[in-house]
């Protein structure tokens, strides 16, 4: 995800994704691993323009 999210937003994201995975697959919460990789806005482009521009 792009940089700039708060710790609270990342925690909420991890909870919602974990809940969706456990609900749809039957996996235990302890078996779900979430890796949040933040990307600098200057390293991401859409439609030929960097997000940071």
C-alpha atoms as a PDB file:
ATOM      1  CA  UNK A   1       0.000   0.000   0.000  1.00  0.00           C
ATOM      2  CA  UNK A   2       1.103   3.584  -0.424  1.00  0.00           C
ATOM      3  CA  UNK A   3       2.872   5.210   2.489  1.00  0.00           C
ATOM      4  CA  UNK A   4       0.995   7.515   4.833  1.00  0.00           C
ATOM      5  CA  UNK A   5      -1.488   5.251   6.625  1.00  0.00           C
ATOM      6  CA  UNK A   6      -1.616   5.439  10.408  1.00  0.00           C
ATOM      7  CA  UNK A   7      -0.870   2.492  12.684  1.00  0.00           C
ATOM      8  CA  UNK A   8      -4.578   2.436  13.565  1.00  0.00           C
ATOM      9  CA  UNK A   9      -5.554   2.157   9.885  1.00  0.00           C
ATOM     10  CA  UNK A  10      -3.076  -0.667   9.317  1.00  0.00           C
ATOM     11  CA  UNK A  11      -4.370  -2.508  12.386  1.00  0.00           C
ATOM     12  CA  UNK A  12      -7.971  -2.134  11.199  1.00  0.00           C
ATOM     13  CA  UNK A  13      -6.937  -3.365   7.731  1.00  0.00           C
ATOM     14  CA  UNK A  14      -5.236  -6.445   9.203  1.00  0.00           C
ATOM     15  CA  UNK A  15      -8.306  -7.260  11.300  1.00  0.00           C
ATOM     16  CA  UNK A  16     -10.773  -6.909   8.424  1.00  0.00           C
ATOM     17  CA  UNK A  17      -8.640  -8.997   6.050  1.00  0.00           C
ATOM     18  CA  UNK A  18      -8.045 -11.677   8.691  1.00  0.00           C
ATOM     19  CA  UNK A  19     -11.770 -11.835   9.473  1.00  0.00           C
ATOM     20  CA  UNK A  20     -12.599 -12.161   5.748  1.00  0.00           C
ATOM     21  CA  UNK A  21     -10.057 -14.955   5.239  1.00  0.00           C
ATOM     22  CA  UNK A  22     -11.235 -16.926   8.266  1.00  0.00           C
ATOM     23  CA  UNK A  23     -14.890 -16.482   7.326  1.00  0.00           C
ATOM     24  CA  UNK A  24     -14.464 -17.534   3.699  1.00  0.00           C
ATOM     25  CA  UNK A  25     -11.882 -20.321   4.101  1.00  0.00           C
ATOM     26  CA  UNK A  26     -12.462 -21.643   7.591  1.00  0.00           C
ATOM     27  CA  UNK A  27      -8.813 -21.015   8.486  1.00  0.00           C
ATOM     28  CA  UNK A  28      -7.925 -20.237  12.079  1.00  0.00           C
ATOM     29  CA  UNK A  29      -6.969 -16.615  12.796  1.00  0.00           C
ATOM     30  CA  UNK A  30      -3.566 -17.833  13.981  1.00  0.00           C
ATOM     31  CA  UNK A  31      -2.922 -19.296  10.530  1.00  0.00           C
ATOM     32  CA  UNK A  32      -3.464 -15.990   8.707  1.00  0.00           C
ATOM     33  CA  UNK A  33      -0.387 -13.844   8.115  1.00  0.00           C
ATOM     34  CA  UNK A  34      -0.662 -10.305   6.772  1.00  0.00           C
ATOM     35  CA  UNK A  35       2.400  -8.479   5.438  1.00  0.00           C
ATOM     36  CA  UNK A  36       1.939  -4.761   4.895  1.00  0.00           C
ATOM     37  CA  UNK A  37       4.510  -3.403   2.501  1.00  0.00           C
ATOM     38  CA  UNK A  38       4.489   0.356   2.205  1.00  0.00           C
ATOM     39  CA  UNK A  39       5.556   1.989  -1.031  1.00  0.00           C
ATOM     40  CA  UNK A  40       6.762   5.555  -1.445  1.00  0.00           C
ATOM     41  CA  UNK A  41       4.317   7.612  -3.505  1.00  0.00           C
ATOM     42  CA  UNK A  42       7.234   8.608  -5.731  1.00  0.00           C
ATOM     43  CA  UNK A  43       7.741   4.923  -6.615  1.00  0.00           C
ATOM     44  CA  UNK A  44       4.187   4.358  -7.863  1.00  0.00           C
ATOM     45  CA  UNK A  45       2.581   5.653 -11.042  1.00  0.00           C
ATOM     46  CA  UNK A  46      -0.924   5.503 -12.495  1.00  0.00           C
ATOM     47  CA  UNK A  47      -1.762   6.592 -16.007  1.00  0.00           C
ATOM     48  CA  UNK A  48       1.792   7.682 -16.690  1.00  0.00           C
ATOM     49  CA  UNK A  49       2.024   9.993 -13.671  1.00  0.00           C
ATOM     50  CA  UNK A  50       3.673   9.362 -10.346  1.00  0.00           C
ATOM     51  CA  UNK A  51       1.223   9.522  -7.456  1.00  0.00           C
ATOM     52  CA  UNK A  52       3.532  12.012  -5.733  1.00  0.00           C
ATOM     53  CA  UNK A  53       3.300  14.509  -8.627  1.00  0.00           C
END
